Amino acid sequence: MIRVLIADDEAMMRAGVRAILESDSGIEVVFEAADGREAVDGVQRHRPDVALLDIRMPRLDGLSAAEAIAATVPSTRVVILTTFGEDDYVERALGGGALGFLLKAADPRELIAGVHAVAAGGAYLSPAIARRVIAPYREGDRARGAGAREALSVLTDREREVLALLGAGASNAEIGEQLHLVEGTVKGYVSAILLKLGVRNRVEAAVVAHRGGLVPS
């Protein structure tokens, strides 16, 4: 069972998100918060698997709450669920430790898929956000592509295989299944990849994988 915390300052939105999530028998909403500070406190008390945060909330905005959760309860994986998909929000969210970024206007099935992906150790971006994140590399940003390929050169062949699957959105369990590795071994490879690439999380590693051509466009 995936335990989820919802944080949004609109009660109707919280109710709608809860209804969508609990239509999936594998998801349980354990706490609702009306602001960012309450969300951080709720995560510290309930230790959910996933915290689903809006951006614009009173007392503490969702991006600051995400950073606080990542720093104090790293076992809780943060997903931003918002109306606002501006690039600076996406960059700060992912840089602050969020592993997912979803838009409220998206299909409800994306919300469920995103929660499952992040809870399983993967990352998830709404397709509209993912296209914008990856677009510069598809549009011929050769300097960044060359830099990414140089960074990838420090990886072993097996690490490149792991990173290619990670960049395609696979969880640790799915990577292990495809490469015939136990999940603990995959976690070790992922940690080594993050260290060698000098990135902070799986999303940043996935971006490098796309830049360097490990993931087909």
N, C-alpha and C. Protein backbone atom coordinates (compact mmCIF):
# COMPACT_ATOMS: atom_id res chain seq x y z
N MET A 1 0.84 -1.20 0.00
CA MET A 1 0.00 0.00 0.00
C MET A 1 0.87 1.25 0.00
N ILE A 2 0.61 2.17 -0.92
CA ILE A 2 1.34 3.44 -1.00
C ILE A 2 0.62 4.47 -0.14
N ARG A 3 1.33 5.00 0.85
CA ARG A 3 0.73 5.99 1.76
C ARG A 3 1.08 7.39 1.28
N VAL A 4 0.04 8.22 1.11
CA VAL A 4 0.23 9.53 0.48
C VAL A 4 -0.28 10.65 1.38
N LEU A 5 0.46 11.75 1.40
CA LEU A 5 0.02 12.99 2.03
C LEU A 5 -0.32 13.98 0.92
N ILE A 6 -1.45 14.69 1.08
CA ILE A 6 -1.88 15.70 0.12
C ILE A 6 -1.79 17.07 0.78
N ALA A 7 -1.19 18.04 0.10
CA ALA A 7 -1.13 19.40 0.62
C ALA A 7 -1.62 20.38 -0.44
N ASP A 8 -2.72 21.07 -0.14
CA ASP A 8 -3.29 22.07 -1.04
C ASP A 8 -4.16 22.99 -0.19
N ASP A 9 -4.11 24.28 -0.45
CA ASP A 9 -4.89 25.19 0.39
C ASP A 9 -6.37 25.25 0.02
N GLU A 10 -6.77 24.56 -1.06
CA GLU A 10 -8.18 24.51 -1.44
C GLU A 10 -8.77 23.17 -1.04
N ALA A 11 -9.78 23.22 -0.14
CA ALA A 11 -10.38 21.99 0.36
C ALA A 11 -11.01 21.16 -0.75
N MET A 12 -11.64 21.82 -1.72
CA MET A 12 -12.26 21.08 -2.81
C MET A 12 -11.23 20.35 -3.64
N MET A 13 -10.08 20.98 -3.86
CA MET A 13 -9.01 20.32 -4.62
C MET A 13 -8.47 19.12 -3.85
N ARG A 14 -8.29 19.27 -2.54
CA ARG A 14 -7.82 18.12 -1.74
C ARG A 14 -8.80 16.96 -1.84
N ALA A 15 -10.10 17.28 -1.78
CA ALA A 15 -11.11 16.23 -1.85
C ALA A 15 -11.07 15.53 -3.22
N GLY A 16 -10.89 16.32 -4.27
CA GLY A 16 -10.83 15.73 -5.60
C GLY A 16 -9.61 14.85 -5.80
N VAL A 17 -8.47 15.31 -5.32
CA VAL A 17 -7.25 14.52 -5.43
C VAL A 17 -7.37 13.23 -4.61
N ARG A 18 -7.93 13.35 -3.41
CA ARG A 18 -8.13 12.15 -2.58
C ARG A 18 -9.01 11.14 -3.31
N ALA A 19 -10.09 11.61 -3.91
CA ALA A 19 -11.01 10.70 -4.60
C ALA A 19 -10.31 9.99 -5.76
N ILE A 20 -9.49 10.73 -6.51
CA ILE A 20 -8.76 10.10 -7.61
C ILE A 20 -7.79 9.05 -7.10
N LEU A 21 -7.01 9.42 -6.10
CA LEU A 21 -6.00 8.50 -5.58
C LEU A 21 -6.63 7.25 -4.98
N GLU A 22 -7.68 7.43 -4.21
CA GLU A 22 -8.27 6.29 -3.51
C GLU A 22 -9.16 5.44 -4.41
N SER A 23 -9.29 5.85 -5.69
CA SER A 23 -9.93 4.95 -6.66
C SER A 23 -8.99 3.81 -7.02
N ASP A 24 -7.73 3.96 -6.65
CA ASP A 24 -6.73 2.91 -6.84
C ASP A 24 -6.58 2.15 -5.52
N SER A 25 -6.79 0.87 -5.56
CA SER A 25 -6.78 0.07 -4.32
C SER A 25 -5.41 -0.01 -3.68
N GLY A 26 -4.37 0.40 -4.40
CA GLY A 26 -3.02 0.33 -3.85
C GLY A 26 -2.55 1.62 -3.22
N ILE A 27 -3.44 2.63 -3.12
CA ILE A 27 -3.06 3.94 -2.58
C ILE A 27 -3.97 4.30 -1.41
N GLU A 28 -3.37 4.82 -0.35
CA GLU A 28 -4.11 5.28 0.82
C GLU A 28 -3.67 6.70 1.18
N VAL A 29 -4.60 7.63 1.30
CA VAL A 29 -4.28 8.99 1.74
C VAL A 29 -4.29 9.00 3.26
N VAL A 30 -3.16 9.32 3.86
CA VAL A 30 -3.03 9.24 5.32
C VAL A 30 -3.14 10.60 6.01
N PHE A 31 -3.01 11.70 5.23
CA PHE A 31 -3.08 13.02 5.86
C PHE A 31 -3.33 14.07 4.79
N GLU A 32 -4.09 15.13 5.16
CA GLU A 32 -4.31 16.27 4.29
C GLU A 32 -3.82 17.53 5.01
N ALA A 33 -3.13 18.37 4.28
CA ALA A 33 -2.60 19.62 4.84
C ALA A 33 -3.12 20.80 4.02
N ALA A 34 -3.38 21.92 4.72
CA ALA A 34 -3.91 23.10 4.06
C ALA A 34 -2.84 24.15 3.76
N ASP A 35 -1.60 23.90 4.20
CA ASP A 35 -0.51 24.82 3.90
C ASP A 35 0.81 24.07 3.98
N GLY A 36 1.87 24.72 3.53
CA GLY A 36 3.17 24.06 3.45
C GLY A 36 3.75 23.66 4.78
N ARG A 37 3.57 24.51 5.79
CA ARG A 37 4.10 24.18 7.11
C ARG A 37 3.40 22.96 7.68
N GLU A 38 2.09 22.90 7.52
CA GLU A 38 1.34 21.74 7.99
C GLU A 38 1.76 20.48 7.23
N ALA A 39 2.11 20.65 5.96
CA ALA A 39 2.57 19.51 5.17
C ALA A 39 3.88 18.94 5.72
N VAL A 40 4.83 19.82 6.03
CA VAL A 40 6.11 19.37 6.57
C VAL A 40 5.89 18.67 7.91
N ASP A 41 5.06 19.27 8.78
CA ASP A 41 4.77 18.65 10.07
C ASP A 41 4.09 17.29 9.87
N GLY A 42 3.16 17.23 8.90
CA GLY A 42 2.44 15.98 8.65
C GLY A 42 3.36 14.88 8.15
N VAL A 43 4.32 15.24 7.31
CA VAL A 43 5.29 14.25 6.83
C VAL A 43 6.13 13.73 7.99
N GLN A 44 6.54 14.62 8.87
CA GLN A 44 7.37 14.20 10.00
C GLN A 44 6.60 13.29 10.96
N ARG A 45 5.29 13.50 11.06
CA ARG A 45 4.48 12.66 11.96
C ARG A 45 4.08 11.33 11.31
N HIS A 46 3.65 11.38 10.05
CA HIS A 46 3.05 10.20 9.42
C HIS A 46 4.00 9.42 8.52
N ARG A 47 5.11 10.02 8.14
CA ARG A 47 6.11 9.35 7.29
C ARG A 47 5.47 8.67 6.08
N PRO A 48 4.74 9.42 5.25
CA PRO A 48 4.13 8.80 4.07
C PRO A 48 5.19 8.42 3.04
N ASP A 49 4.80 7.57 2.12
CA ASP A 49 5.71 7.20 1.03
C ASP A 49 5.87 8.35 0.04
N VAL A 50 4.76 9.07 -0.19
CA VAL A 50 4.75 10.15 -1.17
C VAL A 50 4.03 11.36 -0.58
N ALA A 51 4.61 12.55 -0.78
CA ALA A 51 3.96 13.81 -0.41
C ALA A 51 3.62 14.55 -1.70
N LEU A 52 2.34 14.85 -1.87
CA LEU A 52 1.84 15.51 -3.07
C LEU A 52 1.55 16.96 -2.72
N LEU A 53 2.35 17.89 -3.25
CA LEU A 53 2.31 19.28 -2.79
C LEU A 53 1.91 20.25 -3.90
N ASP A 54 1.00 21.17 -3.58
CA ASP A 54 0.74 22.31 -4.45
C ASP A 54 1.89 23.30 -4.27
N ILE A 55 2.06 24.23 -5.21
CA ILE A 55 3.12 25.23 -5.08
C ILE A 55 2.68 26.41 -4.24
N ARG A 56 1.60 27.05 -4.61
CA ARG A 56 1.18 28.28 -3.95
C ARG A 56 0.28 27.97 -2.77
N MET A 57 0.89 28.01 -1.58
CA MET A 57 0.16 27.75 -0.34
C MET A 57 0.60 28.77 0.71
N PRO A 58 -0.25 29.05 1.70
CA PRO A 58 0.13 30.00 2.76
C PRO A 58 1.16 29.41 3.72
N ARG A 59 1.77 30.33 4.50
CA ARG A 59 2.78 30.02 5.52
C ARG A 59 4.09 29.50 4.93
N LEU A 60 3.99 28.50 4.05
CA LEU A 60 5.20 27.96 3.41
C LEU A 60 4.77 27.42 2.06
N ASP A 61 5.40 27.91 0.99
CA ASP A 61 4.99 27.46 -0.34
C ASP A 61 5.46 26.02 -0.57
N GLY A 62 4.88 25.39 -1.58
CA GLY A 62 5.16 23.98 -1.83
C GLY A 62 6.60 23.69 -2.18
N LEU A 63 7.28 24.61 -2.87
CA LEU A 63 8.68 24.39 -3.23
C LEU A 63 9.58 24.40 -1.99
N SER A 64 9.31 25.34 -1.07
CA SER A 64 10.08 25.38 0.18
C SER A 64 9.76 24.16 1.03
N ALA A 65 8.48 23.75 1.02
CA ALA A 65 8.10 22.55 1.78
C ALA A 65 8.80 21.32 1.22
N ALA A 66 8.90 21.24 -0.11
CA ALA A 66 9.59 20.11 -0.74
C ALA A 66 11.04 20.04 -0.30
N GLU A 67 11.71 21.20 -0.27
CA GLU A 67 13.10 21.23 0.17
C GLU A 67 13.24 20.79 1.62
N ALA A 68 12.30 21.24 2.48
CA ALA A 68 12.35 20.87 3.89
C ALA A 68 12.12 19.38 4.08
N ILE A 69 11.18 18.82 3.32
CA ILE A 69 10.90 17.39 3.42
C ILE A 69 12.09 16.57 2.95
N ALA A 70 12.68 16.97 1.82
CA ALA A 70 13.84 16.24 1.29
C ALA A 70 15.00 16.26 2.28
N ALA A 71 15.12 17.35 3.02
CA ALA A 71 16.23 17.50 3.98
C ALA A 71 15.99 16.74 5.28
N THR A 72 14.73 16.65 5.70
CA THR A 72 14.44 16.08 7.03
C THR A 72 13.86 14.67 6.99
N VAL A 73 13.11 14.35 5.94
CA VAL A 73 12.51 13.00 5.82
C VAL A 73 12.75 12.51 4.39
N PRO A 74 13.99 12.19 4.04
CA PRO A 74 14.30 11.82 2.66
C PRO A 74 13.60 10.55 2.18
N SER A 75 13.09 9.74 3.10
CA SER A 75 12.37 8.54 2.69
C SER A 75 11.03 8.87 2.05
N THR A 76 10.49 10.06 2.32
CA THR A 76 9.25 10.49 1.68
C THR A 76 9.59 11.15 0.35
N ARG A 77 9.01 10.64 -0.71
CA ARG A 77 9.29 11.14 -2.05
C ARG A 77 8.27 12.22 -2.40
N VAL A 78 8.76 13.34 -2.89
CA VAL A 78 7.91 14.51 -3.13
C VAL A 78 7.50 14.61 -4.59
N VAL A 79 6.21 14.87 -4.80
CA VAL A 79 5.66 15.16 -6.13
C VAL A 79 4.96 16.51 -6.06
N ILE A 80 5.27 17.40 -6.98
CA ILE A 80 4.59 18.68 -7.08
C ILE A 80 3.37 18.52 -7.98
N LEU A 81 2.21 18.94 -7.50
CA LEU A 81 0.97 18.92 -8.28
C LEU A 81 0.44 20.35 -8.32
N THR A 82 0.48 20.98 -9.48
CA THR A 82 0.21 22.41 -9.54
C THR A 82 -0.44 22.82 -10.83
N THR A 83 -1.01 24.01 -10.80
CA THR A 83 -1.54 24.64 -12.01
C THR A 83 -0.42 25.31 -12.79
N PHE A 84 0.68 25.60 -12.11
CA PHE A 84 1.74 26.45 -12.66
C PHE A 84 2.92 25.61 -13.12
N GLY A 85 3.17 25.63 -14.44
CA GLY A 85 4.26 24.83 -14.99
C GLY A 85 5.41 25.65 -15.51
N GLU A 86 5.60 26.85 -14.95
CA GLU A 86 6.69 27.71 -15.41
C GLU A 86 8.04 27.02 -15.22
N ASP A 87 8.96 27.31 -16.14
CA ASP A 87 10.26 26.64 -16.12
C ASP A 87 11.01 26.83 -14.81
N ASP A 88 10.92 28.05 -14.22
CA ASP A 88 11.67 28.27 -12.99
C ASP A 88 11.11 27.45 -11.84
N TYR A 89 9.78 27.22 -11.84
CA TYR A 89 9.19 26.34 -10.83
C TYR A 89 9.68 24.91 -11.00
N VAL A 90 9.69 24.44 -12.25
CA VAL A 90 10.14 23.07 -12.52
C VAL A 90 11.59 22.90 -12.08
N GLU A 91 12.43 23.85 -12.47
CA GLU A 91 13.85 23.77 -12.13
C GLU A 91 14.07 23.76 -10.62
N ARG A 92 13.37 24.65 -9.91
CA ARG A 92 13.56 24.70 -8.46
C ARG A 92 13.02 23.45 -7.79
N ALA A 93 11.88 22.95 -8.27
CA ALA A 93 11.30 21.74 -7.67
C ALA A 93 12.24 20.55 -7.80
N LEU A 94 12.74 20.33 -9.01
CA LEU A 94 13.62 19.18 -9.23
C LEU A 94 14.97 19.37 -8.53
N GLY A 95 15.46 20.61 -8.53
CA GLY A 95 16.70 20.89 -7.82
C GLY A 95 16.57 20.75 -6.32
N GLY A 96 15.34 20.95 -5.81
CA GLY A 96 15.10 20.85 -4.38
C GLY A 96 14.77 19.46 -3.89
N GLY A 97 14.77 18.49 -4.78
CA GLY A 97 14.58 17.11 -4.36
C GLY A 97 13.28 16.46 -4.78
N ALA A 98 12.38 17.20 -5.44
CA ALA A 98 11.14 16.58 -5.91
C ALA A 98 11.47 15.56 -7.01
N LEU A 99 10.74 14.46 -7.03
CA LEU A 99 10.95 13.42 -8.02
C LEU A 99 9.82 13.35 -9.03
N GLY A 100 8.84 14.24 -8.88
CA GLY A 100 7.74 14.28 -9.82
C GLY A 100 7.20 15.70 -9.95
N PHE A 101 6.65 16.01 -11.12
CA PHE A 101 6.04 17.32 -11.35
C PHE A 101 4.84 17.09 -12.25
N LEU A 102 3.64 17.30 -11.71
CA LEU A 102 2.39 17.03 -12.40
C LEU A 102 1.55 18.29 -12.48
N LEU A 103 0.77 18.40 -13.55
CA LEU A 103 -0.13 19.53 -13.73
C LEU A 103 -1.56 19.14 -13.37
N LYS A 104 -2.26 20.02 -12.69
CA LYS A 104 -3.63 19.73 -12.27
C LYS A 104 -4.56 19.53 -13.45
N ALA A 105 -4.23 20.11 -14.60
CA ALA A 105 -5.08 19.99 -15.78
C ALA A 105 -4.89 18.64 -16.50
N ALA A 106 -3.96 17.83 -16.02
CA ALA A 106 -3.65 16.57 -16.70
C ALA A 106 -4.74 15.52 -16.46
N ASP A 107 -4.66 14.46 -17.22
CA ASP A 107 -5.56 13.32 -17.05
C ASP A 107 -5.37 12.73 -15.65
N PRO A 108 -6.46 12.43 -14.92
CA PRO A 108 -6.31 11.84 -13.58
C PRO A 108 -5.46 10.59 -13.56
N ARG A 109 -5.41 9.86 -14.67
CA ARG A 109 -4.60 8.65 -14.70
C ARG A 109 -3.11 8.97 -14.57
N GLU A 110 -2.72 10.18 -15.00
CA GLU A 110 -1.33 10.59 -14.83
C GLU A 110 -0.98 10.72 -13.35
N LEU A 111 -1.94 11.21 -12.56
CA LEU A 111 -1.70 11.37 -11.12
C LEU A 111 -1.41 10.03 -10.47
N ILE A 112 -2.24 9.05 -10.79
CA ILE A 112 -2.05 7.71 -10.23
C ILE A 112 -0.74 7.10 -10.72
N ALA A 113 -0.46 7.24 -12.02
CA ALA A 113 0.78 6.69 -12.57
C ALA A 113 1.99 7.36 -11.95
N GLY A 114 1.91 8.67 -11.74
CA GLY A 114 3.03 9.39 -11.15
C GLY A 114 3.31 8.96 -9.73
N VAL A 115 2.26 8.80 -8.94
CA VAL A 115 2.43 8.36 -7.55
C VAL A 115 3.05 6.96 -7.51
N HIS A 116 2.59 6.07 -8.35
CA HIS A 116 3.15 4.71 -8.38
C HIS A 116 4.61 4.74 -8.81
N ALA A 117 4.94 5.53 -9.84
CA ALA A 117 6.31 5.58 -10.35
C ALA A 117 7.28 6.10 -9.29
N VAL A 118 6.90 7.19 -8.63
CA VAL A 118 7.78 7.79 -7.64
C VAL A 118 7.91 6.89 -6.41
N ALA A 119 6.80 6.29 -5.98
CA ALA A 119 6.85 5.39 -4.82
C ALA A 119 7.74 4.18 -5.09
N ALA A 120 7.82 3.78 -6.36
CA ALA A 120 8.63 2.61 -6.72
C ALA A 120 10.10 2.95 -6.91
N GLY A 121 10.46 4.22 -6.70
CA GLY A 121 11.86 4.61 -6.82
C GLY A 121 12.19 5.30 -8.13
N GLY A 122 11.18 5.56 -8.96
CA GLY A 122 11.41 6.24 -10.22
C GLY A 122 11.14 7.73 -10.12
N ALA A 123 11.00 8.35 -11.27
CA ALA A 123 10.66 9.77 -11.35
C ALA A 123 9.56 9.92 -12.37
N TYR A 124 8.79 11.00 -12.27
CA TYR A 124 7.67 11.16 -13.19
C TYR A 124 7.42 12.64 -13.46
N LEU A 125 7.37 12.99 -14.74
CA LEU A 125 7.02 14.34 -15.16
C LEU A 125 5.80 14.26 -16.06
N SER A 126 4.86 15.19 -15.89
CA SER A 126 3.77 15.28 -16.86
C SER A 126 4.37 15.38 -18.25
N PRO A 127 3.79 14.70 -19.24
CA PRO A 127 4.36 14.74 -20.59
C PRO A 127 4.61 16.16 -21.10
N ALA A 128 3.71 17.10 -20.78
CA ALA A 128 3.91 18.48 -21.23
C ALA A 128 5.16 19.08 -20.62
N ILE A 129 5.43 18.75 -19.35
CA ILE A 129 6.64 19.24 -18.68
C ILE A 129 7.87 18.53 -19.22
N ALA A 130 7.77 17.21 -19.41
CA ALA A 130 8.91 16.44 -19.91
C ALA A 130 9.35 16.94 -21.28
N ARG A 131 8.39 17.26 -22.13
CA ARG A 131 8.75 17.75 -23.47
C ARG A 131 9.55 19.05 -23.38
N ARG A 132 9.17 19.92 -22.43
CA ARG A 132 9.88 21.19 -22.29
C ARG A 132 11.27 20.99 -21.71
N VAL A 133 11.39 20.03 -20.76
CA VAL A 133 12.70 19.77 -20.15
C VAL A 133 13.67 19.21 -21.18
N ILE A 134 13.16 18.34 -22.04
CA ILE A 134 14.02 17.64 -23.00
C ILE A 134 14.20 18.42 -24.29
N ALA A 135 13.25 19.33 -24.60
CA ALA A 135 13.25 20.03 -25.89
C ALA A 135 14.58 20.65 -26.28
N PRO A 136 15.29 21.35 -25.36
CA PRO A 136 16.55 21.98 -25.78
C PRO A 136 17.56 20.99 -26.34
N TYR A 137 17.51 19.75 -25.85
CA TYR A 137 18.48 18.76 -26.30
C TYR A 137 18.06 18.17 -27.64
N ARG A 138 16.77 18.12 -27.91
CA ARG A 138 16.28 17.66 -29.20
C ARG A 138 16.47 18.73 -30.26
N GLU A 139 16.55 19.97 -29.84
CA GLU A 139 16.63 21.07 -30.79
C GLU A 139 18.08 21.42 -31.14
N GLY A 140 19.02 20.56 -30.74
CA GLY A 140 20.38 20.73 -31.21
C GLY A 140 21.27 21.56 -30.32
N ASP A 141 21.10 21.45 -29.03
CA ASP A 141 22.01 22.15 -28.11
C ASP A 141 23.30 21.33 -28.05
N ARG A 142 24.17 21.54 -29.03
CA ARG A 142 25.34 20.68 -29.18
C ARG A 142 26.32 20.80 -28.02
N ALA A 143 26.48 21.99 -27.49
CA ALA A 143 27.44 22.17 -26.40
C ALA A 143 27.05 21.34 -25.19
N ARG A 144 25.77 21.42 -24.82
CA ARG A 144 25.32 20.63 -23.67
C ARG A 144 25.37 19.14 -23.98
N GLY A 145 25.02 18.78 -25.20
CA GLY A 145 25.08 17.37 -25.57
C GLY A 145 26.49 16.83 -25.49
N ALA A 146 27.45 17.63 -25.96
CA ALA A 146 28.85 17.20 -25.89
C ALA A 146 29.30 17.08 -24.45
N GLY A 147 28.88 18.04 -23.60
CA GLY A 147 29.24 17.97 -22.19
C GLY A 147 28.66 16.74 -21.52
N ALA A 148 27.42 16.40 -21.88
CA ALA A 148 26.79 15.22 -21.30
C ALA A 148 27.50 13.95 -21.74
N ARG A 149 27.86 13.89 -23.03
CA ARG A 149 28.58 12.70 -23.52
C ARG A 149 29.92 12.54 -22.83
N GLU A 150 30.58 13.67 -22.58
CA GLU A 150 31.86 13.60 -21.85
C GLU A 150 31.63 13.10 -20.43
N ALA A 151 30.56 13.58 -19.78
CA ALA A 151 30.26 13.12 -18.42
C ALA A 151 29.95 11.63 -18.40
N LEU A 152 29.25 11.16 -19.42
CA LEU A 152 28.90 9.74 -19.48
C LEU A 152 30.11 8.84 -19.69
N SER A 153 31.18 9.41 -20.20
CA SER A 153 32.36 8.60 -20.50
C SER A 153 33.01 8.02 -19.24
N VAL A 154 32.68 8.60 -18.06
CA VAL A 154 33.27 8.08 -16.82
C VAL A 154 32.51 6.87 -16.29
N LEU A 155 31.38 6.56 -16.89
CA LEU A 155 30.57 5.44 -16.41
C LEU A 155 31.03 4.13 -17.04
N THR A 156 30.84 3.06 -16.29
CA THR A 156 31.10 1.73 -16.84
C THR A 156 29.96 1.35 -17.79
N ASP A 157 30.17 0.30 -18.57
CA ASP A 157 29.12 -0.15 -19.49
C ASP A 157 27.84 -0.49 -18.73
N ARG A 158 27.98 -1.16 -17.60
CA ARG A 158 26.78 -1.53 -16.82
C ARG A 158 26.10 -0.29 -16.26
N GLU A 159 26.86 0.67 -15.80
CA GLU A 159 26.26 1.91 -15.29
C GLU A 159 25.51 2.65 -16.39
N ARG A 160 26.04 2.61 -17.60
CA ARG A 160 25.35 3.24 -18.73
C ARG A 160 24.04 2.53 -19.02
N GLU A 161 24.03 1.22 -18.90
CA GLU A 161 22.80 0.45 -19.12
C GLU A 161 21.76 0.84 -18.07
N VAL A 162 22.20 0.94 -16.82
CA VAL A 162 21.29 1.32 -15.73
C VAL A 162 20.76 2.72 -15.97
N LEU A 163 21.64 3.64 -16.35
CA LEU A 163 21.23 5.03 -16.56
C LEU A 163 20.27 5.15 -17.74
N ALA A 164 20.48 4.38 -18.78
CA ALA A 164 19.57 4.42 -19.93
C ALA A 164 18.15 4.04 -19.52
N LEU A 165 18.03 3.01 -18.71
CA LEU A 165 16.71 2.58 -18.24
C LEU A 165 16.12 3.59 -17.27
N LEU A 166 16.97 4.13 -16.38
CA LEU A 166 16.52 5.17 -15.45
C LEU A 166 16.00 6.37 -16.24
N GLY A 167 16.73 6.76 -17.27
CA GLY A 167 16.31 7.90 -18.08
C GLY A 167 15.01 7.67 -18.81
N ALA A 168 14.70 6.41 -19.08
CA ALA A 168 13.44 6.06 -19.74
C ALA A 168 12.28 5.98 -18.75
N GLY A 169 12.57 6.21 -17.46
CA GLY A 169 11.51 6.24 -16.46
C GLY A 169 11.33 4.96 -15.66
N ALA A 170 12.24 4.01 -15.80
CA ALA A 170 12.09 2.74 -15.09
C ALA A 170 12.44 2.89 -13.61
N SER A 171 11.73 2.16 -12.77
CA SER A 171 12.03 2.12 -11.34
C SER A 171 13.21 1.18 -11.10
N ASN A 172 13.72 1.17 -9.87
CA ASN A 172 14.82 0.25 -9.55
C ASN A 172 14.42 -1.20 -9.78
N ALA A 173 13.18 -1.54 -9.39
CA ALA A 173 12.71 -2.91 -9.56
C ALA A 173 12.65 -3.28 -11.04
N GLU A 174 12.17 -2.35 -11.87
CA GLU A 174 12.08 -2.62 -13.31
C GLU A 174 13.46 -2.72 -13.95
N ILE A 175 14.39 -1.88 -13.50
CA ILE A 175 15.76 -1.97 -14.00
C ILE A 175 16.36 -3.33 -13.65
N GLY A 176 16.17 -3.75 -12.39
CA GLY A 176 16.68 -5.03 -11.96
C GLY A 176 16.12 -6.18 -12.77
N GLU A 177 14.82 -6.10 -13.06
CA GLU A 177 14.18 -7.17 -13.84
C GLU A 177 14.76 -7.25 -15.25
N GLN A 178 14.97 -6.09 -15.87
CA GLN A 178 15.46 -6.09 -17.25
C GLN A 178 16.93 -6.48 -17.34
N LEU A 179 17.72 -6.13 -16.31
CA LEU A 179 19.15 -6.43 -16.35
C LEU A 179 19.53 -7.65 -15.51
N HIS A 180 18.52 -8.30 -14.95
CA HIS A 180 18.74 -9.51 -14.13
C HIS A 180 19.65 -9.22 -12.93
N LEU A 181 19.29 -8.13 -12.22
CA LEU A 181 20.02 -7.73 -11.03
C LEU A 181 19.05 -7.64 -9.86
N VAL A 182 19.54 -7.87 -8.65
CA VAL A 182 18.69 -7.67 -7.48
C VAL A 182 18.55 -6.16 -7.25
N GLU A 183 17.45 -5.75 -6.60
CA GLU A 183 17.15 -4.33 -6.46
C GLU A 183 18.24 -3.60 -5.67
N GLY A 184 18.81 -4.27 -4.66
CA GLY A 184 19.87 -3.64 -3.88
C GLY A 184 21.08 -3.30 -4.72
N THR A 185 21.41 -4.18 -5.68
CA THR A 185 22.52 -3.92 -6.58
C THR A 185 22.22 -2.72 -7.47
N VAL A 186 20.97 -2.63 -7.93
CA VAL A 186 20.57 -1.49 -8.77
C VAL A 186 20.72 -0.19 -7.98
N LYS A 187 20.29 -0.20 -6.72
CA LYS A 187 20.43 1.00 -5.88
C LYS A 187 21.88 1.41 -5.78
N GLY A 188 22.78 0.44 -5.66
CA GLY A 188 24.20 0.74 -5.60
C GLY A 188 24.69 1.39 -6.88
N TYR A 189 24.25 0.85 -8.01
CA TYR A 189 24.63 1.44 -9.30
C TYR A 189 24.11 2.87 -9.41
N VAL A 190 22.85 3.09 -9.02
CA VAL A 190 22.26 4.42 -9.12
C VAL A 190 23.04 5.42 -8.27
N SER A 191 23.39 5.02 -7.05
CA SER A 191 24.17 5.90 -6.17
C SER A 191 25.51 6.25 -6.82
N ALA A 192 26.17 5.25 -7.41
CA ALA A 192 27.46 5.48 -8.05
C ALA A 192 27.30 6.42 -9.25
N ILE A 193 26.22 6.25 -10.00
CA ILE A 193 25.97 7.10 -11.17
C ILE A 193 25.77 8.55 -10.75
N LEU A 194 24.96 8.78 -9.72
CA LEU A 194 24.73 10.15 -9.25
C LEU A 194 26.03 10.80 -8.81
N LEU A 195 26.87 10.03 -8.12
CA LEU A 195 28.14 10.56 -7.63
C LEU A 195 29.07 10.89 -8.80
N LYS A 196 29.19 9.99 -9.75
CA LYS A 196 30.09 10.21 -10.88
C LYS A 196 29.64 11.36 -11.77
N LEU A 197 28.33 11.51 -11.93
CA LEU A 197 27.82 12.58 -12.80
C LEU A 197 27.73 13.92 -12.08
N GLY A 198 27.84 13.89 -10.75
CA GLY A 198 27.75 15.13 -9.98
C GLY A 198 26.35 15.71 -9.97
N VAL A 199 25.33 14.84 -9.98
CA VAL A 199 23.93 15.30 -9.96
C VAL A 199 23.31 14.91 -8.63
N ARG A 200 22.18 15.56 -8.31
CA ARG A 200 21.59 15.40 -6.98
C ARG A 200 20.51 14.35 -6.90
N ASN A 201 19.89 14.02 -8.02
CA ASN A 201 18.77 13.09 -7.95
C ASN A 201 18.56 12.39 -9.29
N ARG A 202 17.58 11.50 -9.32
CA ARG A 202 17.33 10.69 -10.51
C ARG A 202 16.86 11.54 -11.69
N VAL A 203 16.11 12.58 -11.41
CA VAL A 203 15.60 13.41 -12.50
C VAL A 203 16.76 14.08 -13.23
N GLU A 204 17.71 14.65 -12.46
CA GLU A 204 18.86 15.29 -13.09
C GLU A 204 19.70 14.26 -13.86
N ALA A 205 19.81 13.05 -13.32
CA ALA A 205 20.53 12.00 -14.04
C ALA A 205 19.82 11.64 -15.33
N ALA A 206 18.49 11.61 -15.30
CA ALA A 206 17.72 11.30 -16.50
C ALA A 206 17.93 12.35 -17.57
N VAL A 207 18.02 13.62 -17.16
CA VAL A 207 18.27 14.69 -18.12
C VAL A 207 19.63 14.48 -18.80
N VAL A 208 20.65 14.11 -18.02
CA VAL A 208 21.97 13.85 -18.60
C VAL A 208 21.88 12.68 -19.59
N ALA A 209 21.10 11.66 -19.24
CA ALA A 209 20.94 10.51 -20.13
C ALA A 209 20.33 10.94 -21.46
N HIS A 210 19.32 11.83 -21.39
CA HIS A 210 18.71 12.33 -22.62
C HIS A 210 19.70 13.19 -23.41
N ARG A 211 20.40 14.08 -22.72
CA ARG A 211 21.38 14.95 -23.39
C ARG A 211 22.44 14.13 -24.11
N GLY A 212 22.90 13.09 -23.44
CA GLY A 212 24.00 12.30 -23.97
C GLY A 212 23.59 11.25 -24.98
N GLY A 213 22.30 11.16 -25.28
CA GLY A 213 21.84 10.24 -26.30
C GLY A 213 21.63 8.81 -25.85
N LEU A 214 21.64 8.57 -24.51
CA LEU A 214 21.40 7.21 -24.02
C LEU A 214 19.94 6.80 -24.18
N VAL A 215 19.04 7.78 -24.18
CA VAL A 215 17.62 7.51 -24.29
C VAL A 215 17.15 7.98 -25.67
N PRO A 216 16.56 7.12 -26.49
CA PRO A 216 16.12 7.53 -27.83
C PRO A 216 15.12 8.67 -27.76
N SER A 217 15.20 9.63 -28.67
CA SER A 217 14.29 10.76 -28.73
C SER A 217 12.93 10.32 -29.25
